[in-house]
């Protein structure tokens, strides 16, 4: 226990610097292509991709249900000191498949402090699904609360594994630190809150610790990031698309390569996400330059925006149009399950409905609360909706507090 207490002050300054440098307004709609291509980098930029497995309990809150599932995890020990007494960095994988440990800022810290890095995959995502069929009934064990207990059980399992490898007594404890970004950042903060005895500290970069029902600030931030000229062009494009949907919806959807989206709300959400993503991940010129030039030169704004969506958002970033299709989200054995899984967490626990503000919205006003609630009901059935009051009551929202190390 003493080593944990001594190590905490050493990392405190680094934690603060990393929090300031890496904080960014991450969105909450699952972007599988970005998680792999934009944030992690090209294939091969991993510390390790060697899979390991452990048995994880399916329901941590039932005294009678002892079913288990296989949970995938990864470990990287090259920087750990020879005696393996140094810190262990627990990197939380969030709402997507976890295919290895990326070679990023955490690797720099691990090398500096002689730390091991371990990464368990979030339950249900990737290869860590308890069920082959993702029916609503089978999804009832998918929640942040269950995920936190997964992390606690994994932490204890891995500590025991280290002790066994090095012939140490079961009472030996490495100092543990937890890292996460966006939703995983919230899990990192909540882990420190709920299990302060299992970690010396947590880094919650852009941690979304406050569950929000109508997340209008997301659209407002898109407008601020765009700037007056680009924002005006985006708003006019949205107005024109809304009009064309009324007169010839099939043609305008085909223009964007999204003719399979029969629900107008799904189509409009795709268009809103395409713009938001460019600002969220630091490439505003991809959308603003062509749109503002088209507006200045009196060219077709809808056609210009459609080309951006097709060439950049769909082709370059690898976004699948089907991930916006409620009919695809209803499939219980989809090729890519991450969208169905994350929408379930949205619909059952955290909301973050990215709805249009009443005034000065960039996205269509048709992306409203009713659209989101109808999606939840259509995809998962009657009675599935997010109780954000209970989520914030359980975790504390922005008043989150934990014990000092």
Protein backbone atom coordinates (compact mmCIF):
# COMPACT_ATOMS: atom_id res chain seq x y z
CA UNK A 1 0.00 0.00 0.00
CA UNK A 2 2.88 2.33 0.70
CA UNK A 3 4.12 2.26 -2.90
CA UNK A 4 0.72 3.47 -4.13
CA UNK A 5 0.73 6.46 -1.78
CA UNK A 6 4.27 7.48 -2.74
CA UNK A 7 3.65 7.20 -6.47
CA UNK A 8 0.48 9.31 -6.64
CA UNK A 9 2.13 12.76 -6.23
CA UNK A 10 4.66 11.98 -8.96
CA UNK A 11 1.95 11.57 -11.56
CA UNK A 12 -0.31 14.40 -10.43
CA UNK A 13 1.42 17.06 -12.54
CA UNK A 14 1.48 14.83 -15.61
CA UNK A 15 -2.21 14.04 -15.15
CA UNK A 16 -3.06 17.75 -15.07
CA UNK A 17 -1.02 18.50 -18.19
CA UNK A 18 -2.58 15.59 -20.07
CA UNK A 19 -6.06 16.66 -19.05
CA UNK A 20 -5.49 20.16 -20.37
CA UNK A 21 -3.85 19.06 -23.60
CA UNK A 22 -6.14 16.23 -24.56
CA UNK A 23 -9.51 17.66 -23.52
CA UNK A 24 -11.79 18.09 -26.50
CA UNK A 25 -15.55 18.22 -27.00
CA UNK A 26 -16.04 14.62 -28.00
CA UNK A 27 -19.45 13.64 -29.31
CA UNK A 28 -21.49 10.71 -28.14
CA UNK A 29 -22.69 9.06 -31.33
CA UNK A 30 -20.63 5.98 -31.98
CA UNK A 31 -18.13 6.58 -34.81
CA UNK A 32 -16.52 3.22 -35.40
CA UNK A 33 -14.41 4.33 -38.41
CA UNK A 34 -13.00 7.27 -36.47
CA UNK A 35 -12.09 5.17 -33.49
CA UNK A 36 -9.96 2.98 -35.73
CA UNK A 37 -8.75 5.24 -38.49
CA UNK A 38 -8.59 8.78 -37.18
CA UNK A 39 -7.93 8.46 -33.45
CA UNK A 40 -5.67 5.42 -33.31
CA UNK A 41 -3.89 5.81 -36.61
CA UNK A 42 -2.94 3.42 -39.38
CA UNK A 43 -2.87 -0.32 -38.81
CA UNK A 44 0.24 -1.43 -36.98
CA UNK A 45 0.47 1.51 -34.60
CA UNK A 46 -0.18 -0.67 -31.58
CA UNK A 47 1.95 -1.65 -28.65
CA UNK A 48 0.36 -5.08 -28.88
CA UNK A 49 -2.57 -6.82 -30.51
CA UNK A 50 -2.07 -10.18 -28.82
CA UNK A 51 -5.41 -11.27 -27.39
CA UNK A 52 -5.84 -12.63 -23.89
CA UNK A 53 -9.00 -13.81 -22.20
CA UNK A 54 -10.59 -14.06 -18.79
CA UNK A 55 -13.91 -15.32 -17.45
CA UNK A 56 -16.18 -12.44 -16.52
CA UNK A 57 -19.44 -12.62 -14.58
CA UNK A 58 -22.53 -11.78 -16.63
CA UNK A 59 -24.57 -10.15 -13.85
CA UNK A 60 -22.66 -8.63 -10.97
CA UNK A 61 -25.85 -7.69 -9.13
CA UNK A 62 -27.57 -11.07 -8.92
CA UNK A 63 -26.79 -13.43 -6.05
CA UNK A 64 -28.16 -16.40 -8.00
CA UNK A 65 -27.03 -15.82 -11.60
CA UNK A 66 -23.49 -17.18 -11.88
CA UNK A 67 -23.21 -17.26 -15.67
CA UNK A 68 -19.95 -16.08 -17.21
CA UNK A 69 -18.70 -14.89 -20.58
CA UNK A 70 -15.26 -14.56 -22.15
CA UNK A 71 -13.85 -11.04 -21.95
CA UNK A 72 -10.96 -10.07 -24.19
CA UNK A 73 -8.04 -8.02 -22.90
CA UNK A 74 -4.53 -6.96 -23.86
CA UNK A 75 -1.34 -6.43 -21.87
CA UNK A 76 1.95 -4.64 -22.62
CA UNK A 77 4.81 -5.24 -20.22
CA UNK A 78 7.91 -4.01 -22.08
CA UNK A 79 8.22 -0.90 -19.90
CA UNK A 80 7.38 -2.58 -16.60
CA UNK A 81 10.29 -2.83 -14.21
CA UNK A 82 11.97 -6.22 -13.91
CA UNK A 83 10.43 -6.97 -10.53
CA UNK A 84 6.98 -5.88 -11.80
CA UNK A 85 6.47 -3.64 -8.78
CA UNK A 86 5.80 -0.50 -10.83
CA UNK A 87 2.42 0.98 -11.67
CA UNK A 88 -0.24 -0.61 -13.83
CA UNK A 89 -2.07 1.68 -16.26
CA UNK A 90 -5.60 0.47 -16.92
CA UNK A 91 -6.75 1.87 -20.25
CA UNK A 92 -10.53 1.66 -20.60
CA UNK A 93 -11.90 0.72 -24.00
CA UNK A 94 -15.24 2.38 -24.63
CA UNK A 95 -18.12 1.83 -27.00
CA UNK A 96 -16.36 0.04 -29.85
CA UNK A 97 -14.32 -3.02 -30.62
CA UNK A 98 -10.98 -3.00 -28.80
CA UNK A 99 -8.35 -4.46 -31.10
CA UNK A 100 -5.16 -3.76 -29.16
CA UNK A 101 -3.26 -1.16 -27.13
CA UNK A 102 -2.51 1.91 -29.27
CA UNK A 103 0.95 3.43 -29.30
CA UNK A 104 -0.06 6.90 -28.10
CA UNK A 105 0.44 9.28 -25.16
CA UNK A 106 -0.16 6.51 -22.65
CA UNK A 107 2.83 4.62 -24.04
CA UNK A 108 4.98 7.70 -23.38
CA UNK A 109 3.81 7.81 -19.78
CA UNK A 110 4.25 4.07 -19.35
CA UNK A 111 7.86 4.28 -20.55
CA UNK A 112 8.59 7.24 -18.28
CA UNK A 113 7.19 5.61 -15.15
CA UNK A 114 8.01 1.97 -15.88
CA UNK A 115 4.37 0.98 -16.07
CA UNK A 116 2.50 -1.97 -17.43
CA UNK A 117 -0.46 -1.17 -19.70
CA UNK A 118 -3.58 -3.33 -19.73
CA UNK A 119 -6.81 -2.89 -21.68
CA UNK A 120 -9.98 -4.92 -21.17
CA UNK A 121 -12.65 -4.76 -23.87
CA UNK A 122 -16.04 -3.32 -22.88
CA UNK A 123 -18.69 -6.01 -22.42
CA UNK A 124 -20.78 -6.77 -25.53
CA UNK A 125 -18.45 -4.86 -27.88
CA UNK A 126 -15.98 -6.49 -30.24
CA UNK A 127 -15.30 -10.09 -29.26
CA UNK A 128 -16.52 -9.75 -25.66
CA UNK A 129 -20.21 -10.36 -26.21
CA UNK A 130 -22.03 -12.73 -23.84
CA UNK A 131 -24.63 -13.51 -26.53
CA UNK A 132 -24.65 -14.20 -30.25
CA UNK A 133 -28.09 -12.64 -30.62
CA UNK A 134 -28.37 -9.05 -29.39
CA UNK A 135 -32.07 -9.03 -28.61
CA UNK A 136 -33.37 -6.38 -26.23
CA UNK A 137 -33.80 -9.10 -23.63
CA UNK A 138 -30.15 -10.13 -24.00
CA UNK A 139 -28.98 -6.50 -23.84
CA UNK A 140 -30.30 -6.02 -20.31
CA UNK A 141 -26.81 -6.68 -18.91
CA UNK A 142 -25.27 -3.87 -20.98
CA UNK A 143 -24.81 -0.84 -18.74
CA UNK A 144 -22.12 1.40 -17.30
CA UNK A 145 -22.78 -0.10 -13.87
CA UNK A 146 -22.06 -3.63 -15.06
CA UNK A 147 -19.02 -2.33 -17.00
CA UNK A 148 -17.57 -0.74 -13.85
CA UNK A 149 -17.79 -4.02 -11.97
CA UNK A 150 -16.13 -5.71 -14.97
CA UNK A 151 -13.22 -3.31 -14.52
CA UNK A 152 -13.05 -4.00 -10.78
CA UNK A 153 -13.08 -7.76 -11.30
CA UNK A 154 -10.50 -7.47 -14.08
CA UNK A 155 -8.28 -5.31 -11.87
CA UNK A 156 -8.32 -7.94 -9.12
CA UNK A 157 -7.84 -10.78 -11.59
CA UNK A 158 -4.85 -9.14 -13.22
CA UNK A 159 -3.25 -8.17 -9.91
CA UNK A 160 -3.48 -11.80 -8.84
CA UNK A 161 -2.01 -12.83 -12.20
CA UNK A 162 1.00 -10.57 -11.70
CA UNK A 163 1.51 -11.84 -8.17
CA UNK A 164 1.37 -15.45 -9.36
CA UNK A 165 3.84 -14.83 -12.19
CA UNK A 166 6.39 -13.34 -9.81
CA UNK A 167 5.78 -15.71 -6.89
CA UNK A 168 4.53 -12.93 -4.63
CA UNK A 169 2.07 -13.09 -1.79
CA UNK A 170 -1.55 -12.46 -2.68
CA UNK A 171 -1.51 -9.29 -0.59
CA UNK A 172 0.96 -7.40 -2.78
CA UNK A 173 -0.58 -4.41 -4.56
CA UNK A 174 0.85 -2.50 -7.53
CA UNK A 175 -0.22 1.13 -7.84
CA UNK A 176 -3.09 1.28 -10.36
CA UNK A 177 -4.14 4.26 -12.49
CA UNK A 178 -7.15 4.34 -14.78
CA UNK A 179 -7.41 6.21 -18.11
CA UNK A 180 -10.33 6.92 -20.44
CA UNK A 181 -11.65 9.36 -23.04
CA UNK A 182 -15.26 10.51 -23.61
CA UNK A 183 -17.62 7.71 -22.45
CA UNK A 184 -14.56 5.72 -21.32
CA UNK A 185 -13.47 8.91 -19.56
CA UNK A 186 -16.72 8.89 -17.62
CA UNK A 187 -16.10 5.26 -16.70
CA UNK A 188 -12.63 6.26 -15.52
CA UNK A 189 -14.02 8.95 -13.23
CA UNK A 190 -16.84 6.72 -12.01
CA UNK A 191 -14.40 3.89 -11.30
CA UNK A 192 -12.43 6.19 -8.99
CA UNK A 193 -15.72 7.23 -7.39
CA UNK A 194 -17.10 3.74 -6.84
CA UNK A 195 -13.83 1.83 -6.23
CA UNK A 196 -11.40 4.29 -4.60
CA UNK A 197 -9.63 1.41 -2.86
CA UNK A 198 -8.66 -0.13 -6.20
CA UNK A 199 -6.93 2.82 -7.86
CA UNK A 200 -4.58 5.63 -6.92
CA UNK A 201 -6.19 7.95 -9.44
CA UNK A 202 -8.02 8.32 -12.73
CA UNK A 203 -7.63 10.45 -15.83
CA UNK A 204 -11.03 11.30 -17.30
CA UNK A 205 -10.22 13.16 -20.51
CA UNK A 206 -13.40 14.79 -21.87
CA UNK A 207 -15.26 12.55 -19.47
CA UNK A 208 -19.01 12.84 -20.03
CA UNK A 209 -19.96 12.39 -16.38
CA UNK A 210 -23.25 14.28 -16.64
CA UNK A 211 -26.05 12.40 -18.39
CA UNK A 212 -28.03 14.91 -20.46
CA UNK A 213 -31.51 14.32 -21.86
CA UNK A 214 -31.64 16.96 -24.59
CA UNK A 215 -28.03 17.71 -25.51
CA UNK A 216 -28.65 20.95 -27.44
CA UNK A 217 -25.20 22.28 -26.54
CA UNK A 218 -23.68 19.82 -29.00
CA UNK A 219 -25.29 21.60 -31.96
CA UNK A 220 -24.50 25.00 -30.48
CA UNK A 221 -20.83 24.04 -30.28
CA UNK A 222 -20.89 22.99 -33.94
CA UNK A 223 -22.14 26.46 -34.85
CA UNK A 224 -19.51 28.20 -32.73
CA UNK A 225 -16.72 26.04 -34.15
CA UNK A 226 -17.88 26.67 -37.71
CA UNK A 227 -17.77 30.45 -37.39
CA UNK A 228 -20.37 32.88 -38.76
CA UNK A 229 -19.72 32.36 -42.49
CA UNK A 230 -19.60 28.57 -42.48
CA UNK A 231 -22.44 28.34 -39.98
CA UNK A 232 -24.68 30.42 -42.25
CA UNK A 233 -23.83 28.16 -45.22
CA UNK A 234 -24.60 25.04 -43.19
CA UNK A 235 -27.90 26.46 -41.98
CA UNK A 236 -28.97 27.38 -45.51
CA UNK A 237 -28.01 23.91 -46.70
CA UNK A 238 -30.13 22.37 -43.95
CA UNK A 239 -33.10 24.55 -44.93
CA UNK A 240 -32.77 23.58 -48.59
CA UNK A 241 -32.50 19.86 -47.77
CA UNK A 242 -35.62 20.09 -45.57
CA UNK A 243 -37.51 21.65 -48.48
CA UNK A 244 -36.30 19.07 -50.99
CA UNK A 245 -37.29 16.22 -48.69
CA UNK A 246 -40.86 17.48 -48.89
CA UNK A 247 -40.92 17.58 -52.69
CA UNK A 248 -38.68 14.68 -53.78
CA UNK A 249 -37.14 12.77 -50.88
CA UNK A 250 -35.86 9.88 -53.00
CA UNK A 251 -33.79 12.14 -55.26
CA UNK A 252 -32.17 14.18 -52.51
CA UNK A 253 -31.27 11.05 -50.52
CA UNK A 254 -29.77 9.46 -53.64
CA UNK A 255 -27.67 12.59 -54.16
CA UNK A 256 -25.99 11.88 -50.80
CA UNK A 257 -25.65 8.16 -51.45
CA UNK A 258 -28.19 7.49 -48.70
CA UNK A 259 -31.22 6.29 -50.62
CA UNK A 260 -31.53 3.28 -48.31
CA UNK A 261 -32.54 5.53 -45.41
CA UNK A 262 -36.34 5.52 -45.61
CA UNK A 263 -36.78 7.47 -42.38
CA UNK A 264 -36.21 11.19 -43.00
CA UNK A 265 -34.93 11.64 -39.45
CA UNK A 266 -32.24 9.02 -39.96
CA UNK A 267 -31.15 10.78 -43.15
CA UNK A 268 -31.04 14.19 -41.47
CA UNK A 269 -29.05 12.74 -38.56
CA UNK A 270 -26.48 11.43 -41.03
CA UNK A 271 -26.13 14.89 -42.56
CA UNK A 272 -25.82 16.55 -39.15
CA UNK A 273 -23.20 14.07 -37.99
CA UNK A 274 -21.14 14.55 -41.15
CA UNK A 275 -20.64 18.23 -40.38
CA UNK A 276 -20.23 17.78 -36.62
CA UNK A 277 -17.53 15.16 -37.09
CA UNK A 278 -15.29 17.48 -39.08
CA UNK A 279 -15.25 19.99 -36.21
CA UNK A 280 -15.09 17.36 -33.50
CA UNK A 281 -11.97 15.79 -34.97
CA UNK A 282 -10.21 18.95 -36.11
CA UNK A 283 -10.77 19.16 -39.87
CA UNK A 284 -13.26 22.03 -40.39
CA UNK A 285 -11.86 22.99 -43.80
CA UNK A 286 -13.17 19.73 -45.23
CA UNK A 287 -16.71 21.09 -45.02
CA UNK A 288 -16.33 24.85 -44.61
CA UNK A 289 -14.08 25.58 -47.59
CA UNK A 290 -16.30 24.00 -50.28
CA UNK A 291 -19.54 25.28 -48.73
CA UNK A 292 -18.48 28.89 -48.24
CA UNK A 293 -16.97 29.00 -51.73
CA UNK A 294 -20.18 27.61 -53.21
CA UNK A 295 -22.24 30.18 -51.34
CA UNK A 296 -20.02 33.08 -52.50
CA UNK A 297 -20.12 31.92 -56.12
CA UNK A 298 -23.83 31.18 -56.19
CA UNK A 299 -23.34 27.44 -56.71
CA UNK A 300 -25.56 24.60 -55.56
CA UNK A 301 -25.14 24.27 -51.78
CA UNK A 302 -26.97 20.97 -51.51
CA UNK A 303 -24.90 19.42 -54.29
CA UNK A 304 -21.69 20.73 -52.72
CA UNK A 305 -22.59 19.36 -49.32
CA UNK A 306 -23.62 16.04 -50.86
CA UNK A 307 -20.19 15.70 -52.46
CA UNK A 308 -18.55 16.38 -49.09
CA UNK A 309 -20.68 13.72 -47.40
CA UNK A 310 -20.00 11.14 -50.10
CA UNK A 311 -16.28 11.80 -50.57
CA UNK A 312 -15.18 12.70 -47.06
CA UNK A 313 -17.62 11.35 -44.49
CA UNK A 314 -18.56 8.10 -46.21
CA UNK A 315 -15.61 7.26 -48.45
CA UNK A 316 -12.60 8.72 -46.63
CA UNK A 317 -13.72 8.14 -43.04
CA UNK A 318 -15.40 4.85 -43.87
CA UNK A 319 -18.76 5.76 -42.33
CA UNK A 320 -21.47 3.23 -43.14
CA UNK A 321 -24.85 4.68 -44.08
CA UNK A 322 -26.51 1.61 -42.59
CA UNK A 323 -25.38 2.62 -39.09
CA UNK A 324 -27.99 5.41 -39.30
CA UNK A 325 -30.78 3.13 -40.51
CA UNK A 326 -33.25 2.15 -37.80
CA UNK A 327 -34.11 -1.00 -39.72
CA UNK A 328 -30.44 -2.01 -39.58
CA UNK A 329 -30.24 -1.07 -35.90
CA UNK A 330 -33.10 -3.48 -35.23
CA UNK A 331 -31.06 -6.44 -36.50
CA UNK A 332 -29.99 -8.69 -33.62
CA UNK A 333 -27.03 -10.24 -35.47
CA UNK A 334 -25.58 -7.31 -37.47
CA UNK A 335 -22.19 -7.36 -39.18
CA UNK A 336 -21.19 -4.34 -37.07
CA UNK A 337 -22.91 -4.43 -33.69
CA UNK A 338 -21.39 -1.28 -32.17
CA UNK A 339 -24.14 1.07 -33.36
CA UNK A 340 -26.94 -1.10 -31.97
CA UNK A 341 -25.06 -1.51 -28.71
CA UNK A 342 -24.27 2.16 -28.19
CA UNK A 343 -27.79 3.26 -29.10
CA UNK A 344 -29.05 0.85 -26.43
CA UNK A 345 -26.89 2.57 -23.84
CA UNK A 346 -28.16 5.92 -25.09
CA UNK A 347 -31.76 4.77 -24.98
CA UNK A 348 -31.58 3.00 -21.62
CA UNK A 349 -29.18 5.03 -19.51
CA UNK A 350 -27.37 8.18 -20.63
CA UNK A 351 -29.48 9.83 -23.42
CA UNK A 352 -27.22 12.59 -24.79
CA UNK A 353 -29.89 13.16 -27.42
CA UNK A 354 -28.21 15.47 -29.92
CA UNK A 355 -31.33 17.46 -30.68
CA UNK A 356 -31.70 20.77 -32.49
CA UNK A 357 -31.92 23.88 -30.28
CA UNK A 358 -35.14 25.88 -30.57
CA UNK A 359 -33.33 28.79 -32.20
CA UNK A 360 -30.34 29.20 -34.51
CA UNK A 361 -29.82 25.48 -35.07
CA UNK A 362 -27.33 24.08 -37.55
CA UNK A 363 -29.04 20.71 -37.79
CA UNK A 364 -32.62 20.19 -38.89
CA UNK A 365 -35.34 20.92 -36.35
CA UNK A 366 -36.73 17.48 -37.19
CA UNK A 367 -33.91 15.96 -35.14
CA UNK A 368 -35.78 16.49 -31.90
CA UNK A 369 -36.66 14.61 -28.73
CA UNK A 370 -39.55 12.80 -30.40
CA UNK A 371 -37.24 11.47 -33.13
CA UNK A 372 -34.90 10.00 -30.52
CA UNK A 373 -37.64 8.50 -28.35
CA UNK A 374 -39.33 7.01 -31.40
CA UNK A 375 -36.00 5.49 -32.42
CA UNK A 376 -35.59 3.91 -28.98
CA UNK A 377 -39.09 2.46 -29.10
CA UNK A 378 -38.83 1.30 -32.70
CA UNK A 379 -35.44 -0.37 -32.31
CA UNK A 380 -35.66 -1.81 -28.77
CA UNK A 381 -39.35 -1.98 -27.98
CA UNK A 382 -41.85 -0.42 -25.61
CA UNK A 383 -40.55 0.90 -22.30
CA UNK A 384 -36.92 1.52 -23.29
CA UNK A 385 -36.01 5.11 -22.51
CA UNK A 386 -33.21 6.84 -20.56
CA UNK A 387 -33.82 7.86 -16.96
CA UNK A 388 -31.04 10.45 -16.74
CA UNK A 389 -32.21 11.57 -13.30
CA UNK A 390 -31.39 8.16 -11.84
CA UNK A 391 -28.08 7.99 -13.74
CA UNK A 392 -26.97 11.35 -12.34
CA UNK A 393 -28.28 10.46 -8.90
CA UNK A 394 -26.19 7.28 -8.93
CA UNK A 395 -22.95 8.89 -10.15
CA UNK A 396 -23.29 12.49 -8.94
CA UNK A 397 -23.27 14.25 -12.32
CA UNK A 398 -20.98 17.28 -12.25
CA UNK A 399 -20.85 17.08 -8.46
CA UNK A 400 -18.86 13.87 -8.65
CA UNK A 401 -16.54 13.45 -5.68
CA UNK A 402 -14.13 10.79 -4.52
CA UNK A 403 -11.77 10.02 -1.69
CA UNK A 404 -8.24 11.41 -1.72
CA UNK A 405 -5.50 8.82 -2.13
